[in-house]
Amino acid sequence: MLLLLAVAIGVIVVLAKAGAGAFWVQTAAIAVLLIGGLGAQSMGLFQKKAKKKTE
């Protein structure tokens, strides 16, 4: 998630330097976090691994 946050901040900086409106700055950052989070969830990055019982 920290990587997604870094990418979202980078998108905000690039759009701010380009003179984009506030709508696009907010929308692009939210889209990066949402789409990246959904992609990471579908790849199983947020799934806890089951602990094996050792008896």
N, C-alpha and C. Protein backbone atom coordinates (compact mmCIF):
# COMPACT_ATOMS: atom_id res chain seq x y z
N MET A 1 0.82 -1.19 0.00
CA MET A 1 0.00 0.00 0.00
C MET A 1 0.87 1.26 0.00
N LEU A 2 2.04 1.18 0.60
CA LEU A 2 2.90 2.35 0.60
C LEU A 2 3.36 2.70 -0.81
N LEU A 3 3.55 1.69 -1.64
CA LEU A 3 3.93 1.94 -3.03
C LEU A 3 2.80 2.66 -3.76
N LEU A 4 1.57 2.24 -3.52
CA LEU A 4 0.43 2.91 -4.15
C LEU A 4 0.31 4.35 -3.68
N LEU A 5 0.57 4.57 -2.41
CA LEU A 5 0.52 5.93 -1.87
C LEU A 5 1.59 6.79 -2.52
N ALA A 6 2.78 6.25 -2.70
CA ALA A 6 3.86 7.00 -3.35
C ALA A 6 3.50 7.33 -4.79
N VAL A 7 2.90 6.40 -5.49
CA VAL A 7 2.48 6.65 -6.88
C VAL A 7 1.39 7.72 -6.92
N ALA A 8 0.44 7.64 -5.99
CA ALA A 8 -0.64 8.63 -5.95
C ALA A 8 -0.09 10.03 -5.67
N ILE A 9 0.86 10.13 -4.76
CA ILE A 9 1.48 11.43 -4.48
C ILE A 9 2.24 11.94 -5.70
N GLY A 10 2.90 11.05 -6.40
CA GLY A 10 3.59 11.42 -7.63
C GLY A 10 2.63 11.93 -8.69
N VAL A 11 1.48 11.28 -8.81
CA VAL A 11 0.47 11.73 -9.77
C VAL A 11 -0.04 13.12 -9.39
N ILE A 12 -0.24 13.35 -8.10
CA ILE A 12 -0.70 14.66 -7.63
C ILE A 12 0.34 15.73 -7.99
N VAL A 13 1.61 15.44 -7.77
CA VAL A 13 2.67 16.41 -8.06
C VAL A 13 2.74 16.71 -9.56
N VAL A 14 2.67 15.67 -10.38
CA VAL A 14 2.75 15.87 -11.83
C VAL A 14 1.56 16.68 -12.32
N LEU A 15 0.37 16.35 -11.86
CA LEU A 15 -0.81 17.10 -12.30
C LEU A 15 -0.80 18.53 -11.79
N ALA A 16 -0.29 18.74 -10.58
CA ALA A 16 -0.21 20.10 -10.06
C ALA A 16 0.79 20.94 -10.86
N LYS A 17 1.92 20.34 -11.24
CA LYS A 17 2.91 21.05 -12.05
C LYS A 17 2.36 21.35 -13.45
N ALA A 18 1.50 20.46 -13.96
CA ALA A 18 0.94 20.64 -15.29
C ALA A 18 -0.20 21.65 -15.30
N GLY A 19 -0.64 22.07 -14.13
CA GLY A 19 -1.70 23.07 -14.06
C GLY A 19 -3.09 22.48 -14.18
N ALA A 20 -3.24 21.20 -13.87
CA ALA A 20 -4.56 20.57 -13.94
C ALA A 20 -5.45 21.11 -12.83
N GLY A 21 -6.74 21.02 -13.04
CA GLY A 21 -7.69 21.51 -12.05
C GLY A 21 -7.74 20.60 -10.83
N ALA A 22 -8.35 21.11 -9.78
CA ALA A 22 -8.44 20.37 -8.52
C ALA A 22 -9.22 19.07 -8.69
N PHE A 23 -10.22 19.09 -9.57
CA PHE A 23 -11.01 17.87 -9.80
C PHE A 23 -10.13 16.74 -10.31
N TRP A 24 -9.28 17.03 -11.29
CA TRP A 24 -8.44 15.99 -11.87
C TRP A 24 -7.36 15.52 -10.90
N VAL A 25 -6.84 16.42 -10.10
CA VAL A 25 -5.82 16.04 -9.12
C VAL A 25 -6.42 15.05 -8.11
N GLN A 26 -7.60 15.35 -7.59
CA GLN A 26 -8.24 14.45 -6.62
C GLN A 26 -8.68 13.15 -7.26
N THR A 27 -9.29 13.25 -8.44
CA THR A 27 -9.82 12.07 -9.11
C THR A 27 -8.70 11.10 -9.49
N ALA A 28 -7.60 11.62 -10.01
CA ALA A 28 -6.49 10.76 -10.43
C ALA A 28 -5.86 10.05 -9.23
N ALA A 29 -5.70 10.76 -8.12
CA ALA A 29 -5.10 10.14 -6.94
C ALA A 29 -6.00 9.04 -6.38
N ILE A 30 -7.29 9.31 -6.31
CA ILE A 30 -8.23 8.30 -5.81
C ILE A 30 -8.28 7.11 -6.76
N ALA A 31 -8.24 7.37 -8.07
CA ALA A 31 -8.27 6.28 -9.06
C ALA A 31 -7.04 5.39 -8.94
N VAL A 32 -5.87 6.00 -8.73
CA VAL A 32 -4.64 5.21 -8.58
C VAL A 32 -4.75 4.30 -7.36
N LEU A 33 -5.21 4.84 -6.24
CA LEU A 33 -5.34 4.04 -5.03
C LEU A 33 -6.40 2.95 -5.19
N LEU A 34 -7.53 3.29 -5.79
CA LEU A 34 -8.62 2.33 -5.95
C LEU A 34 -8.25 1.21 -6.91
N ILE A 35 -7.78 1.57 -8.09
CA ILE A 35 -7.45 0.55 -9.09
C ILE A 35 -6.25 -0.28 -8.64
N GLY A 36 -5.26 0.37 -8.04
CA GLY A 36 -4.10 -0.37 -7.54
C GLY A 36 -4.47 -1.31 -6.41
N GLY A 37 -5.33 -0.85 -5.51
CA GLY A 37 -5.79 -1.70 -4.41
C GLY A 37 -6.59 -2.89 -4.89
N LEU A 38 -7.47 -2.64 -5.86
CA LEU A 38 -8.26 -3.74 -6.42
C LEU A 38 -7.36 -4.75 -7.14
N GLY A 39 -6.38 -4.24 -7.87
CA GLY A 39 -5.45 -5.14 -8.57
C GLY A 39 -4.62 -5.95 -7.59
N ALA A 40 -4.14 -5.31 -6.53
CA ALA A 40 -3.35 -6.03 -5.54
C ALA A 40 -4.20 -7.07 -4.81
N GLN A 41 -5.45 -6.73 -4.52
CA GLN A 41 -6.35 -7.69 -3.86
C GLN A 41 -6.61 -8.89 -4.76
N SER A 42 -6.81 -8.64 -6.05
CA SER A 42 -7.09 -9.75 -6.97
C SER A 42 -5.87 -10.65 -7.15
N MET A 43 -4.66 -10.09 -6.96
CA MET A 43 -3.45 -10.92 -7.04
C MET A 43 -3.15 -11.62 -5.73
N GLY A 44 -3.93 -11.35 -4.70
CA GLY A 44 -3.76 -12.03 -3.43
C GLY A 44 -2.69 -11.44 -2.53
N LEU A 45 -2.30 -10.19 -2.75
CA LEU A 45 -1.24 -9.60 -1.95
C LEU A 45 -1.67 -9.28 -0.53
N PHE A 46 -2.98 -9.15 -0.29
CA PHE A 46 -3.46 -8.81 1.03
C PHE A 46 -3.99 -10.03 1.79
N GLN A 47 -3.81 -11.21 1.23
CA GLN A 47 -4.30 -12.43 1.87
C GLN A 47 -3.28 -12.94 2.87
N LYS A 48 -3.77 -13.27 4.06
CA LYS A 48 -2.88 -13.87 5.05
C LYS A 48 -2.66 -15.34 4.71
N LYS A 49 -1.47 -15.77 4.87
CA LYS A 49 -1.16 -17.17 4.65
C LYS A 49 -1.62 -17.97 5.86
N ALA A 50 -2.20 -19.11 5.62
CA ALA A 50 -2.67 -19.97 6.71
C ALA A 50 -1.48 -20.57 7.43
N LYS A 51 -1.56 -20.59 8.74
CA LYS A 51 -0.50 -21.20 9.53
C LYS A 51 -0.70 -22.72 9.55
N LYS A 52 0.39 -23.42 9.37
CA LYS A 52 0.31 -24.87 9.41
C LYS A 52 0.39 -25.35 10.85
N LYS A 53 -0.44 -26.32 11.17
CA LYS A 53 -0.40 -26.89 12.50
C LYS A 53 0.78 -27.88 12.60
N THR A 54 1.50 -27.76 13.66
CA THR A 54 2.60 -28.69 13.88
C THR A 54 2.30 -29.48 15.14
N GLU A 55 1.80 -30.66 14.92
CA GLU A 55 1.45 -31.51 16.08
C GLU A 55 2.30 -32.73 16.10
